[in-house]
Structure formats: structure tokens, C-alpha cells
Amino acid sequence: MSIIKVLKLKLIIFLFQALPAVTLANPVTVKAAEWTKVDNVKKCTDGTCKTFRNIELNKNTIELGQDISVTNLNTGLEIAAFQVKIIRYGRMVKMCWIGDTEGVNEGTYLTVGGCKQN
């Protein structure tokens, strides 16, 4: 193998390691978001969690500290209402996870699509 091919290979390996692709794939915490599609809510009470998919939210934009409520479209009843303590934004998948606790995917949280950071 020639020295030029070895250097090209090393350069390619370096670029793959140096590019922020892994960072872009991981969700980041943001202060505000808006979305176009509601996917589901995972409601956890006393260690038992249930996922609801046919839901409606009372808004399509949110900031940390604001309240949000979730209605079950099958029954018309409110499933959850909480103050938003965390918003995680996935750049690559354009999704957000909006939760009632500061932990990632803990407690009750919403998953929304078509999301963008505000």
C-alpha cells in the first residue's frame, strides 16, 4: 500500500471520529420547542406506566416552566396535566420529549414529531 493511500485512510478515519455525527444524533436539552405532530404520552403513576397514542395537547409550542395538558381522544378525558421541567430535542429525527421531571425519560412525558427548537 502506498504512503498516499495510507494517509488518505488515516484522514478518513480521523474525519469520522472528529465529526459531530454522534452529537447530532443524541437529543439535547432546550428551553422551548414547537411541533406539528403528537405521537404519544407515557404516564407514570406509582411506578406503573401506561402509553396513550390517540391524544390531543392543549398547545403546540411550549417553554420550560409552562403547563401542558393531554386529552384522551377516545374518552374525551384529561390523561395528564403537568408543568414542563425538561424538553429534549432530537435534531436528526425532529422529535421532542417533553417531561414533568428533569430526568431523561422519567416520570410522565410526551413524544412529539415535526419538532423544532424555539
PDB file of N, CA and C in Angstrom:
ATOM      1  N   MET A   1       0.860  -1.178   0.000  1.00  0.00           N
ATOM      2  CA  MET A   1       0.000   0.000   0.000  1.00  0.00           C
ATOM      3  C   MET A   1       0.901   1.234   0.000  1.00  0.00           C
ATOM      4  N   SER A   2       0.595   2.160  -0.865  1.00  0.00           N
ATOM      5  CA  SER A   2       1.433   3.358  -0.962  1.00  0.00           C
ATOM      6  C   SER A   2       1.187   4.285   0.225  1.00  0.00           C
ATOM      7  N   ILE A   3       2.122   5.148   0.473  1.00  0.00           N
ATOM      8  CA  ILE A   3       2.038   6.095   1.581  1.00  0.00           C
ATOM      9  C   ILE A   3       0.842   7.033   1.425  1.00  0.00           C
ATOM     10  N   ILE A   4       0.515   7.388   0.189  1.00  0.00           N
ATOM     11  CA  ILE A   4      -0.629   8.283  -0.055  1.00  0.00           C
ATOM     12  C   ILE A   4      -1.935   7.595   0.324  1.00  0.00           C
ATOM     13  N   LYS A   5      -2.072   6.315  -0.026  1.00  0.00           N
ATOM     14  CA  LYS A   5      -3.283   5.586   0.348  1.00  0.00           C
ATOM     15  C   LYS A   5      -3.404   5.449   1.850  1.00  0.00           C
ATOM     16  N   VAL A   6      -2.305   5.219   2.528  1.00  0.00           N
ATOM     17  CA  VAL A   6      -2.308   5.104   3.993  1.00  0.00           C
ATOM     18  C   VAL A   6      -2.719   6.433   4.615  1.00  0.00           C
ATOM     19  N   LEU A   7      -2.164   7.520   4.106  1.00  0.00           N
ATOM     20  CA  LEU A   7      -2.523   8.844   4.632  1.00  0.00           C
ATOM     21  C   LEU A   7      -3.986   9.172   4.375  1.00  0.00           C
ATOM     22  N   LYS A   8      -4.508   8.821   3.197  1.00  0.00           N
ATOM     23  CA  LYS A   8      -5.922   9.048   2.901  1.00  0.00           C
ATOM     24  C   LYS A   8      -6.812   8.268   3.861  1.00  0.00           C
ATOM     25  N   LEU A   9      -6.434   7.011   4.094  1.00  0.00           N
ATOM     26  CA  LEU A   9      -7.207   6.175   5.009  1.00  0.00           C
ATOM     27  C   LEU A   9      -7.196   6.756   6.417  1.00  0.00           C
ATOM     28  N   LYS A  10      -6.031   7.200   6.868  1.00  0.00           N
ATOM     29  CA  LYS A  10      -5.923   7.805   8.204  1.00  0.00           C
ATOM     30  C   LYS A  10      -6.744   9.089   8.288  1.00  0.00           C
ATOM     31  N   LEU A  11      -6.726   9.874   7.213  1.00  0.00           N
ATOM     32  CA  LEU A  11      -7.508  11.108   7.190  1.00  0.00           C
ATOM     33  C   LEU A  11      -9.005  10.810   7.261  1.00  0.00           C
ATOM     34  N   ILE A  12      -9.460   9.824   6.529  1.00  0.00           N
ATOM     35  CA  ILE A  12     -10.875   9.443   6.556  1.00  0.00           C
ATOM     36  C   ILE A  12     -11.270   8.974   7.954  1.00  0.00           C
ATOM     37  N   ILE A  13     -10.452   8.157   8.558  1.00  0.00           N
ATOM     38  CA  ILE A  13     -10.745   7.682   9.923  1.00  0.00           C
ATOM     39  C   ILE A  13     -10.783   8.855  10.892  1.00  0.00           C
ATOM     40  N   PHE A  14      -9.830   9.777  10.780  1.00  0.00           N
ATOM     41  CA  PHE A  14      -9.811  10.949  11.651  1.00  0.00           C
ATOM     42  C   PHE A  14     -11.081  11.777  11.488  1.00  0.00           C
ATOM     43  N   LEU A  15     -11.506  12.014  10.236  1.00  0.00           N
ATOM     44  CA  LEU A  15     -12.700  12.819   9.999  1.00  0.00           C
ATOM     45  C   LEU A  15     -13.948  12.174  10.583  1.00  0.00           C
ATOM     46  N   PHE A  16     -14.078  10.858  10.450  1.00  0.00           N
ATOM     47  CA  PHE A  16     -15.229  10.181  11.036  1.00  0.00           C
ATOM     48  C   PHE A  16     -15.248  10.329  12.551  1.00  0.00           C
ATOM     49  N   GLN A  17     -14.094  10.290  13.159  1.00  0.00           N
ATOM     50  CA  GLN A  17     -14.029  10.434  14.610  1.00  0.00           C
ATOM     51  C   GLN A  17     -14.255  11.868  15.049  1.00  0.00           C
ATOM     52  N   ALA A  18     -13.813  12.814  14.228  1.00  0.00           N
ATOM     53  CA  ALA A  18     -13.896  14.221  14.607  1.00  0.00           C
ATOM     54  C   ALA A  18     -15.250  14.855  14.318  1.00  0.00           C
ATOM     55  N   LEU A  19     -15.992  14.332  13.355  1.00  0.00           N
ATOM     56  CA  LEU A  19     -17.285  14.926  13.003  1.00  0.00           C
ATOM     57  C   LEU A  19     -18.277  14.752  14.140  1.00  0.00           C
ATOM     58  N   PRO A  20     -19.157  15.706  14.308  1.00  0.00           N
ATOM     59  CA  PRO A  20     -20.109  15.654  15.424  1.00  0.00           C
ATOM     60  C   PRO A  20     -21.348  14.815  15.129  1.00  0.00           C
ATOM     61  N   ALA A  21     -21.258  13.798  14.321  1.00  0.00           N
ATOM     62  CA  ALA A  21     -22.435  12.999  13.957  1.00  0.00           C
ATOM     63  C   ALA A  21     -23.079  12.367  15.173  1.00  0.00           C
ATOM     64  N   VAL A  22     -22.293  11.877  16.098  1.00  0.00           N
ATOM     65  CA  VAL A  22     -22.850  11.252  17.300  1.00  0.00           C
ATOM     66  C   VAL A  22     -23.567  12.296  18.136  1.00  0.00           C
ATOM     67  N   THR A  23     -22.990  13.476  18.238  1.00  0.00           N
ATOM     68  CA  THR A  23     -23.617  14.552  19.000  1.00  0.00           C
ATOM     69  C   THR A  23     -24.941  14.954  18.378  1.00  0.00           C
ATOM     70  N   LEU A  24     -25.009  15.029  17.052  1.00  0.00           N
ATOM     71  CA  LEU A  24     -26.244  15.418  16.386  1.00  0.00           C
ATOM     72  C   LEU A  24     -27.345  14.382  16.577  1.00  0.00           C
ATOM     73  N   ALA A  25     -26.980  13.118  16.731  1.00  0.00           N
ATOM     74  CA  ALA A  25     -27.981  12.075  16.877  1.00  0.00           C
ATOM     75  C   ALA A  25     -28.572  12.044  18.279  1.00  0.00           C
ATOM     76  N   ASN A  26     -27.834  12.515  19.260  1.00  0.00           N
ATOM     77  CA  ASN A  26     -28.309  12.493  20.640  1.00  0.00           C
ATOM     78  C   ASN A  26     -29.171  13.712  20.929  1.00  0.00           C
ATOM     79  N   PRO A  27     -30.297  13.510  21.602  1.00  0.00           N
ATOM     80  CA  PRO A  27     -31.150  14.653  21.954  1.00  0.00           C
ATOM     81  C   PRO A  27     -30.427  15.610  22.909  1.00  0.00           C
ATOM     82  N   VAL A  28     -30.715  16.886  22.756  1.00  0.00           N
ATOM     83  CA  VAL A  28     -30.156  17.908  23.633  1.00  0.00           C
ATOM     84  C   VAL A  28     -31.300  18.595  24.374  1.00  0.00           C
ATOM     85  N   THR A  29     -30.997  19.128  25.528  1.00  0.00           N
ATOM     86  CA  THR A  29     -31.994  19.849  26.309  1.00  0.00           C
ATOM     87  C   THR A  29     -32.124  21.269  25.765  1.00  0.00           C
ATOM     88  N   VAL A  30     -33.376  21.698  25.560  1.00  0.00           N
ATOM     89  CA  VAL A  30     -33.646  23.044  25.051  1.00  0.00           C
ATOM     90  C   VAL A  30     -34.645  23.742  25.974  1.00  0.00           C
ATOM     91  N   LYS A  31     -34.768  25.045  25.808  1.00  0.00           N
ATOM     92  CA  LYS A  31     -35.661  25.839  26.657  1.00  0.00           C
ATOM     93  C   LYS A  31     -37.068  25.970  26.105  1.00  0.00           C
ATOM     94  N   ALA A  32     -37.228  25.788  24.784  1.00  0.00           N
ATOM     95  CA  ALA A  32     -38.545  25.943  24.154  1.00  0.00           C
ATOM     96  C   ALA A  32     -38.582  25.160  22.851  1.00  0.00           C
ATOM     97  N   ALA A  33     -39.789  24.728  22.480  1.00  0.00           N
ATOM     98  CA  ALA A  33     -39.948  23.956  21.242  1.00  0.00           C
ATOM     99  C   ALA A  33     -41.356  24.126  20.699  1.00  0.00           C
ATOM    100  N   GLU A  34     -41.486  23.796  19.411  1.00  0.00           N
ATOM    101  CA  GLU A  34     -42.810  23.720  18.787  1.00  0.00           C
ATOM    102  C   GLU A  34     -42.830  22.478  17.919  1.00  0.00           C
ATOM    103  N   TRP A  35     -44.032  21.967  17.647  1.00  0.00           N
ATOM    104  CA  TRP A  35     -44.155  20.710  16.921  1.00  0.00           C
ATOM    105  C   TRP A  35     -45.404  20.703  16.070  1.00  0.00           C
ATOM    106  N   THR A  36     -45.454  19.730  15.141  1.00  0.00           N
ATOM    107  CA  THR A  36     -46.588  19.615  14.234  1.00  0.00           C
ATOM    108  C   THR A  36     -47.375  18.328  14.435  1.00  0.00           C
ATOM    109  N   LYS A  37     -46.812  17.365  15.169  1.00  0.00           N
ATOM    110  CA  LYS A  37     -47.459  16.067  15.310  1.00  0.00           C
ATOM    111  C   LYS A  37     -47.301  15.558  16.738  1.00  0.00           C
ATOM    112  N   VAL A  38     -48.382  15.056  17.303  1.00  0.00           N
ATOM    113  CA  VAL A  38     -48.353  14.462  18.635  1.00  0.00           C
ATOM    114  C   VAL A  38     -48.266  12.950  18.475  1.00  0.00           C
ATOM    115  N   ASP A  39     -47.241  12.337  19.063  1.00  0.00           N
ATOM    116  CA  ASP A  39     -47.085  10.885  18.949  1.00  0.00           C
ATOM    117  C   ASP A  39     -47.752  10.143  20.093  1.00  0.00           C
ATOM    118  N   ASN A  40     -47.312  10.413  21.328  1.00  0.00           N
ATOM    119  CA  ASN A  40     -47.884   9.703  22.469  1.00  0.00           C
ATOM    120  C   ASN A  40     -47.512  10.380  23.776  1.00  0.00           C
ATOM    121  N   VAL A  41     -48.139   9.902  24.839  1.00  0.00           N
ATOM    122  CA  VAL A  41     -47.777  10.308  26.186  1.00  0.00           C
ATOM    123  C   VAL A  41     -47.569   9.028  26.991  1.00  0.00           C
ATOM    124  N   LYS A  42     -46.517   9.025  27.769  1.00  0.00           N
ATOM    125  CA  LYS A  42     -46.259   7.918  28.691  1.00  0.00           C
ATOM    126  C   LYS A  42     -46.516   8.474  30.084  1.00  0.00           C
ATOM    127  N   LYS A  43     -47.590   7.993  30.712  1.00  0.00           N
ATOM    128  CA  LYS A  43     -47.977   8.482  32.030  1.00  0.00           C
ATOM    129  C   LYS A  43     -47.575   7.454  33.073  1.00  0.00           C
ATOM    130  N   CYS A  44     -46.799   7.901  34.038  1.00  0.00           N
ATOM    131  CA  CYS A  44     -46.323   7.013  35.097  1.00  0.00           C
ATOM    132  C   CYS A  44     -46.874   7.474  36.441  1.00  0.00           C
ATOM    133  N   THR A  45     -47.476   6.541  37.164  1.00  0.00           N
ATOM    134  CA  THR A  45     -48.016   6.799  38.487  1.00  0.00           C
ATOM    135  C   THR A  45     -47.624   5.640  39.390  1.00  0.00           C
ATOM    136  N   ASP A  46     -46.953   5.958  40.484  1.00  0.00           N
ATOM    137  CA  ASP A  46     -46.539   4.949  41.465  1.00  0.00           C
ATOM    138  C   ASP A  46     -45.766   3.795  40.821  1.00  0.00           C
ATOM    139  N   GLY A  47     -44.877   4.116  39.903  1.00  0.00           N
ATOM    140  CA  GLY A  47     -44.037   3.102  39.276  1.00  0.00           C
ATOM    141  C   GLY A  47     -44.685   2.320  38.149  1.00  0.00           C
ATOM    142  N   THR A  48     -45.962   2.567  37.881  1.00  0.00           N
ATOM    143  CA  THR A  48     -46.656   1.897  36.786  1.00  0.00           C
ATOM    144  C   THR A  48     -46.848   2.900  35.655  1.00  0.00           C
ATOM    145  N   CYS A  49     -46.448   2.503  34.444  1.00  0.00           N
ATOM    146  CA  CYS A  49     -46.536   3.408  33.302  1.00  0.00           C
ATOM    147  C   CYS A  49     -47.488   2.856  32.250  1.00  0.00           C
ATOM    148  N   LYS A  50     -48.187   3.775  31.603  1.00  0.00           N
ATOM    149  CA  LYS A  50     -49.087   3.418  30.518  1.00  0.00           C
ATOM    150  C   LYS A  50     -48.901   4.426  29.390  1.00  0.00           C
ATOM    151  N   THR A  51     -48.866   3.924  28.146  1.00  0.00           N
ATOM    152  CA  THR A  51     -48.686   4.785  26.984  1.00  0.00           C
ATOM    153  C   THR A  51     -50.021   4.983  26.273  1.00  0.00           C
ATOM    154  N   PHE A  52     -50.327   6.235  25.961  1.00  0.00           N
ATOM    155  CA  PHE A  52     -51.543   6.596  25.238  1.00  0.00           C
ATOM    156  C   PHE A  52     -51.126   7.207  23.906  1.00  0.00           C
ATOM    157  N   ARG A  53     -51.776   6.778  22.824  1.00  0.00           N
ATOM    158  CA  ARG A  53     -51.407   7.258  21.493  1.00  0.00           C
ATOM    159  C   ARG A  53     -52.447   8.185  20.859  1.00  0.00           C
ATOM    160  N   ASN A  54     -53.696   7.960  21.076  1.00  0.00           N
ATOM    161  CA  ASN A  54     -54.748   8.777  20.466  1.00  0.00           C
ATOM    162  C   ASN A  54     -55.043   9.946  21.406  1.00  0.00           C
ATOM    163  N   ILE A  55     -54.166  10.960  21.325  1.00  0.00           N
ATOM    164  CA  ILE A  55     -54.236  12.061  22.283  1.00  0.00           C
ATOM    165  C   ILE A  55     -54.217  13.410  21.578  1.00  0.00           C
ATOM    166  N   GLU A  56     -54.558  14.424  22.363  1.00  0.00           N
ATOM    167  CA  GLU A  56     -54.519  15.806  21.898  1.00  0.00           C
ATOM    168  C   GLU A  56     -53.898  16.655  22.994  1.00  0.00           C
ATOM    169  N   LEU A  57     -53.086  17.615  22.604  1.00  0.00           N
ATOM    170  CA  LEU A  57     -52.480  18.539  23.563  1.00  0.00           C
ATOM    171  C   LEU A  57     -53.178  19.882  23.476  1.00  0.00           C
ATOM    172  N   ASN A  58     -53.119  20.653  24.550  1.00  0.00           N
ATOM    173  CA  ASN A  58     -53.776  21.958  24.544  1.00  0.00           C
ATOM    174  C   ASN A  58     -52.932  23.042  23.877  1.00  0.00           C
ATOM    175  N   LYS A  59     -51.736  22.685  23.392  1.00  0.00           N
ATOM    176  CA  LYS A  59     -50.884  23.645  22.684  1.00  0.00           C
ATOM    177  C   LYS A  59     -49.895  22.913  21.808  1.00  0.00           C
ATOM    178  N   ASN A  60     -49.265  23.642  20.888  1.00  0.00           N
ATOM    179  CA  ASN A  60     -48.243  23.024  20.038  1.00  0.00           C
ATOM    180  C   ASN A  60     -46.903  23.742  20.130  1.00  0.00           C
ATOM    181  N   THR A  61     -46.767  24.600  21.134  1.00  0.00           N
ATOM    182  CA  THR A  61     -45.488  25.209  21.487  1.00  0.00           C
ATOM    183  C   THR A  61     -45.398  25.220  23.000  1.00  0.00           C
ATOM    184  N   ILE A  62     -44.181  25.164  23.520  1.00  0.00           N
ATOM    185  CA  ILE A  62     -44.026  25.130  24.981  1.00  0.00           C
ATOM    186  C   ILE A  62     -42.655  25.671  25.360  1.00  0.00           C
ATOM    187  N   GLU A  63     -42.592  26.235  26.542  1.00  0.00           N
ATOM    188  CA  GLU A  63     -41.328  26.665  27.149  1.00  0.00           C
ATOM    189  C   GLU A  63     -41.216  25.986  28.503  1.00  0.00           C
ATOM    190  N   LEU A  64     -39.983  25.837  28.969  1.00  0.00           N
ATOM    191  CA  LEU A  64     -39.782  25.282  30.306  1.00  0.00           C
ATOM    192  C   LEU A  64     -40.575  26.095  31.315  1.00  0.00           C
ATOM    193  N   GLY A  65     -41.209  25.416  32.254  1.00  0.00           N
ATOM    194  CA  GLY A  65     -41.980  26.084  33.300  1.00  0.00           C
ATOM    195  C   GLY A  65     -43.444  26.286  32.966  1.00  0.00           C
ATOM    196  N   GLN A  66     -43.821  26.123  31.705  1.00  0.00           N
ATOM    197  CA  GLN A  66     -45.222  26.276  31.328  1.00  0.00           C
ATOM    198  C   GLN A  66     -45.985  24.978  31.592  1.00  0.00           C
ATOM    199  N   ASP A  67     -47.305  25.100  31.695  1.00  0.00           N
ATOM    200  CA  ASP A  67     -48.178  23.943  31.909  1.00  0.00           C
ATOM    201  C   ASP A  67     -48.683  23.420  30.570  1.00  0.00           C
ATOM    202  N   ILE A  68     -48.922  22.119  30.531  1.00  0.00           N
ATOM    203  CA  ILE A  68     -49.482  21.482  29.343  1.00  0.00           C
ATOM    204  C   ILE A  68     -50.460  20.410  29.810  1.00  0.00           C
ATOM    205  N   SER A  69     -51.509  20.176  29.028  1.00  0.00           N
ATOM    206  CA  SER A  69     -52.456  19.118  29.373  1.00  0.00           C
ATOM    207  C   SER A  69     -52.675  18.213  28.170  1.00  0.00           C
ATOM    208  N   VAL A  70     -52.990  16.958  28.483  1.00  0.00           N
ATOM    209  CA  VAL A  70     -53.146  15.913  27.479  1.00  0.00           C
ATOM    210  C   VAL A  70     -54.539  15.323  27.610  1.00  0.00           C
ATOM    211  N   THR A  71     -55.274  15.252  26.504  1.00  0.00           N
ATOM    212  CA  THR A  71     -56.622  14.693  26.493  1.00  0.00           C
ATOM    213  C   THR A  71     -56.641  13.399  25.695  1.00  0.00           C
ATOM    214  N   ASN A  72     -57.302  12.387  26.230  1.00  0.00           N
ATOM    215  CA  ASN A  72     -57.507  11.118  25.538  1.00  0.00           C
ATOM    216  C   ASN A  72     -58.644  11.326  24.542  1.00  0.00           C
ATOM    217  N   LEU A  73     -58.354  11.198  23.244  1.00  0.00           N
ATOM    218  CA  LEU A  73     -59.384  11.424  22.227  1.00  0.00           C
ATOM    219  C   LEU A  73     -60.425  10.309  22.186  1.00  0.00           C
ATOM    220  N   ASN A  74     -60.099   9.136  22.734  1.00  0.00           N
ATOM    221  CA  ASN A  74     -61.070   8.039  22.784  1.00  0.00           C
ATOM    222  C   ASN A  74     -62.165   8.303  23.816  1.00  0.00           C
ATOM    223  N   THR A  75     -61.787   8.913  24.945  1.00  0.00           N
ATOM    224  CA  THR A  75     -62.740   9.125  26.033  1.00  0.00           C
ATOM    225  C   THR A  75     -63.107  10.588  26.240  1.00  0.00           C
ATOM    226  N   GLY A  76     -62.295  11.497  25.741  1.00  0.00           N
ATOM    227  CA  GLY A  76     -62.514  12.919  25.968  1.00  0.00           C
ATOM    228  C   GLY A  76     -62.043  13.378  27.332  1.00  0.00           C
ATOM    229  N   LEU A  77     -61.417  12.479  28.110  1.00  0.00           N
ATOM    230  CA  LEU A  77     -60.959  12.804  29.458  1.00  0.00           C
ATOM    231  C   LEU A  77     -59.498  13.229  29.455  1.00  0.00           C
ATOM    232  N   GLU A  78     -59.159  14.081  30.424  1.00  0.00           N
ATOM    233  CA  GLU A  78     -57.770  14.500  30.573  1.00  0.00           C
ATOM    234  C   GLU A  78     -56.949  13.346  31.133  1.00  0.00           C
ATOM    235  N   ILE A  79     -55.846  13.032  30.465  1.00  0.00           N
ATOM    236  CA  ILE A  79     -54.949  11.968  30.913  1.00  0.00           C
ATOM    237  C   ILE A  79     -53.931  12.522  31.893  1.00  0.00           C
ATOM    238  N   ALA A  80     -53.376  13.677  31.557  1.00  0.00           N
ATOM    239  CA  ALA A  80     -52.316  14.266  32.377  1.00  0.00           C
ATOM    240  C   ALA A  80     -52.293  15.770  32.171  1.00  0.00           C
ATOM    241  N   ALA A  81     -51.836  16.447  33.198  1.00  0.00           N
ATOM    242  CA  ALA A  81     -51.568  17.882  33.132  1.00  0.00           C
ATOM    243  C   ALA A  81     -50.357  18.110  34.021  1.00  0.00           C
ATOM    244  N   PHE A  82     -49.363  18.800  33.486  1.00  0.00           N
ATOM    245  CA  PHE A  82     -48.156  18.993  34.279  1.00  0.00           C
ATOM    246  C   PHE A  82     -47.391  20.231  33.834  1.00  0.00           C
ATOM    247  N   GLN A  83     -46.489  20.660  34.723  1.00  0.00           N
ATOM    248  CA  GLN A  83     -45.576  21.745  34.401  1.00  0.00           C
ATOM    249  C   GLN A  83     -44.346  21.130  33.745  1.00  0.00           C
ATOM    250  N   VAL A  84     -43.938  21.688  32.618  1.00  0.00           N
ATOM    251  CA  VAL A  84     -42.813  21.150  31.858  1.00  0.00           C
ATOM    252  C   VAL A  84     -41.503  21.474  32.571  1.00  0.00           C
ATOM    253  N   LYS A  85     -40.748  20.410  32.875  1.00  0.00           N
ATOM    254  CA  LYS A  85     -39.463  20.582  33.552  1.00  0.00           C
ATOM    255  C   LYS A  85     -38.280  20.237  32.660  1.00  0.00           C
ATOM    256  N   ILE A  86     -38.543  19.533  31.537  1.00  0.00           N
ATOM    257  CA  ILE A  86     -37.478  19.208  30.603  1.00  0.00           C
ATOM    258  C   ILE A  86     -38.046  19.097  29.195  1.00  0.00           C
ATOM    259  N   ILE A  87     -37.283  19.595  28.232  1.00  0.00           N
ATOM    260  CA  ILE A  87     -37.588  19.433  26.811  1.00  0.00           C
ATOM    261  C   ILE A  87     -36.313  18.919  26.157  1.00  0.00           C
ATOM    262  N   ARG A  88     -36.384  17.731  25.597  1.00  0.00           N
ATOM    263  CA  ARG A  88     -35.240  17.150  24.888  1.00  0.00           C
ATOM    264  C   ARG A  88     -35.557  17.184  23.399  1.00  0.00           C
ATOM    265  N   TYR A  89     -34.613  17.684  22.607  1.00  0.00           N
ATOM    266  CA  TYR A  89     -34.806  17.867  21.173  1.00  0.00           C
ATOM    267  C   TYR A  89     -33.834  16.980  20.408  1.00  0.00           C
ATOM    268  N   GLY A  90     -34.378  16.121  19.533  1.00  0.00           N
ATOM    269  CA  GLY A  90     -33.558  15.266  18.680  1.00  0.00           C
ATOM    270  C   GLY A  90     -33.441  15.882  17.304  1.00  0.00           C
ATOM    271  N   ARG A  91     -32.289  16.452  16.993  1.00  0.00           N
ATOM    272  CA  ARG A  91     -32.082  17.163  15.727  1.00  0.00           C
ATOM    273  C   ARG A  91     -32.281  16.265  14.515  1.00  0.00           C
ATOM    274  N   MET A  92     -31.707  15.082  14.570  1.00  0.00           N
ATOM    275  CA  MET A  92     -31.737  14.193  13.412  1.00  0.00           C
ATOM    276  C   MET A  92     -33.138  13.660  13.130  1.00  0.00           C
ATOM    277  N   VAL A  93     -33.917  13.393  14.171  1.00  0.00           N
ATOM    278  CA  VAL A  93     -35.244  12.799  13.997  1.00  0.00           C
ATOM    279  C   VAL A  93     -36.366  13.821  14.087  1.00  0.00           C
ATOM    280  N   LYS A  94     -36.022  15.075  14.388  1.00  0.00           N
ATOM    281  CA  LYS A  94     -37.010  16.157  14.512  1.00  0.00           C
ATOM    282  C   LYS A  94     -38.119  15.791  15.491  1.00  0.00           C
ATOM    283  N   MET A  95     -37.714  15.204  16.629  1.00  0.00           N
ATOM    284  CA  MET A  95     -38.667  14.837  17.679  1.00  0.00           C
ATOM    285  C   MET A  95     -38.275  15.517  18.977  1.00  0.00           C
ATOM    286  N   CYS A  96     -39.264  15.692  19.856  1.00  0.00           N
ATOM    287  CA  CYS A  96     -39.013  16.226  21.184  1.00  0.00           C
ATOM    288  C   CYS A  96     -39.673  15.327  22.215  1.00  0.00           C
ATOM    289  N   TRP A  97     -39.067  15.311  23.390  1.00  0.00           N
ATOM    290  CA  TRP A  97     -39.601  14.602  24.540  1.00  0.00           C
ATOM    291  C   TRP A  97     -39.790  15.672  25.606  1.00  0.00           C
ATOM    292  N   ILE A  98     -41.012  15.806  26.076  1.00  0.00           N
ATOM    293  CA  ILE A  98     -41.393  16.870  26.998  1.00  0.00           C
ATOM    294  C   ILE A  98     -41.841  16.200  28.292  1.00  0.00           C
ATOM    295  N   GLY A  99     -41.149  16.503  29.393  1.00  0.00           N
ATOM    296  CA  GLY A  99     -41.419  15.769  30.619  1.00  0.00           C
ATOM    297  C   GLY A  99     -41.731  16.597  31.838  1.00  0.00           C
ATOM    298  N   ASP A 100     -42.282  15.898  32.835  1.00  0.00           N
ATOM    299  CA  ASP A 100     -42.650  16.536  34.106  1.00  0.00           C
ATOM    300  C   ASP A 100     -41.569  16.393  35.169  1.00  0.00           C
ATOM    301  N   THR A 101     -40.456  15.740  34.828  1.00  0.00           N
ATOM    302  CA  THR A 101     -39.309  15.650  35.733  1.00  0.00           C
ATOM    303  C   THR A 101     -38.057  16.039  34.959  1.00  0.00           C
ATOM    304  N   GLU A 102     -36.997  16.380  35.668  1.00  0.00           N
ATOM    305  CA  GLU A 102     -35.770  16.798  34.994  1.00  0.00           C
ATOM    306  C   GLU A 102     -34.965  15.624  34.465  1.00  0.00           C
ATOM    307  N   GLY A 103     -35.307  14.407  34.876  1.00  0.00           N
ATOM    308  CA  GLY A 103     -34.619  13.228  34.369  1.00  0.00           C
ATOM    309  C   GLY A 103     -35.058  12.915  32.953  1.00  0.00           C
ATOM    310  N   VAL A 104     -34.178  12.289  32.201  1.00  0.00           N
ATOM    311  CA  VAL A 104     -34.471  11.933  30.818  1.00  0.00           C
ATOM    312  C   VAL A 104     -35.336  10.678  30.804  1.00  0.00           C
ATOM    313  N   ASN A 105     -36.494  10.759  30.149  1.00  0.00           N
ATOM    314  CA  ASN A 105     -37.434   9.638  30.015  1.00  0.00           C
ATOM    315  C   ASN A 105     -37.858   9.057  31.363  1.00  0.00           C
ATOM    316  N   GLU A 106     -38.010   9.904  32.342  1.00  0.00           N
ATOM    317  CA  GLU A 106     -38.533   9.505  33.647  1.00  0.00           C
ATOM    318  C   GLU A 106     -39.868  10.197  33.848  1.00  0.00           C
ATOM    319  N   GLY A 107     -40.672   9.676  34.742  1.00  0.00           N
ATOM    320  CA  GLY A 107     -41.948  10.305  35.028  1.00  0.00           C
ATOM    321  C   GLY A 107     -42.867  10.275  33.822  1.00  0.00           C
ATOM    322  N   THR A 108     -43.759  11.246  33.755  1.00  0.00           N
ATOM    323  CA  THR A 108     -44.687  11.361  32.630  1.00  0.00           C
ATOM    324  C   THR A 108     -44.044  12.243  31.570  1.00  0.00           C
ATOM    325  N   TYR A 109     -44.084  11.776  30.313  1.00  0.00           N
ATOM    326  CA  TYR A 109     -43.521  12.593  29.250  1.00  0.00           C
ATOM    327  C   TYR A 109     -44.253  12.381  27.933  1.00  0.00           C
ATOM    328  N   LEU A 110     -44.210  13.418  27.113  1.00  0.00           N
ATOM    329  CA  LEU A 110     -44.822  13.432  25.785  1.00  0.00           C
ATOM    330  C   LEU A 110     -43.751  13.208  24.735  1.00  0.00           C
ATOM    331  N   THR A 111     -44.133  12.576  23.641  1.00  0.00           N
ATOM    332  CA  THR A 111     -43.275  12.469  22.470  1.00  0.00           C
ATOM    333  C   THR A 111     -44.011  13.147  21.322  1.00  0.00           C
ATOM    334  N   VAL A 112     -43.353  14.152  20.724  1.00  0.00           N
ATOM    335  CA  VAL A 112     -43.972  14.887  19.629  1.00  0.00           C
ATOM    336  C   VAL A 112     -43.023  14.902  18.432  1.00  0.00           C
ATOM    337  N   GLY A 113     -43.607  14.956  17.228  1.00  0.00           N
ATOM    338  CA  GLY A 113     -42.827  14.943  15.996  1.00  0.00           C
ATOM    339  C   GLY A 113     -42.924  16.261  15.265  1.00  0.00           C
ATOM    340  N   GLY A 114     -42.113  16.396  14.215  1.00  0.00           N
ATOM    341  CA  GLY A 114     -42.069  17.649  13.471  1.00  0.00           C
ATOM    342  C   GLY A 114     -41.605  18.772  14.368  1.00  0.00           C
ATOM    343  N   CYS A 115     -40.768  18.426  15.302  1.00  0.00           N
ATOM    344  CA  CYS A 115     -40.351  19.354  16.360  1.00  0.00           C
ATOM    345  C   CYS A 115     -39.187  20.222  15.904  1.00  0.00           C
ATOM    346  N   LYS A 116     -39.191  21.457  16.386  1.00  0.00           N
ATOM    347  CA  LYS A 116     -38.040  22.328  16.177  1.00  0.00           C
ATOM    348  C   LYS A 116     -37.836  23.173  17.426  1.00  0.00           C
ATOM    349  N   GLN A 117     -36.602  23.480  17.645  1.00  0.00           N
ATOM    350  CA  GLN A 117     -36.208  24.274  18.805  1.00  0.00           C
ATOM    351  C   GLN A 117     -36.628  25.726  18.604  1.00  0.00           C
ATOM    352  N   ASN A 118     -37.176  26.354  19.631  1.00  0.00           N
ATOM    353  CA  ASN A 118     -37.523  27.782  19.583  1.00  0.00           C
ATOM    354  C   ASN A 118     -36.475  28.580  20.312  1.00  0.00           C
TER     355      ASN A 118
END
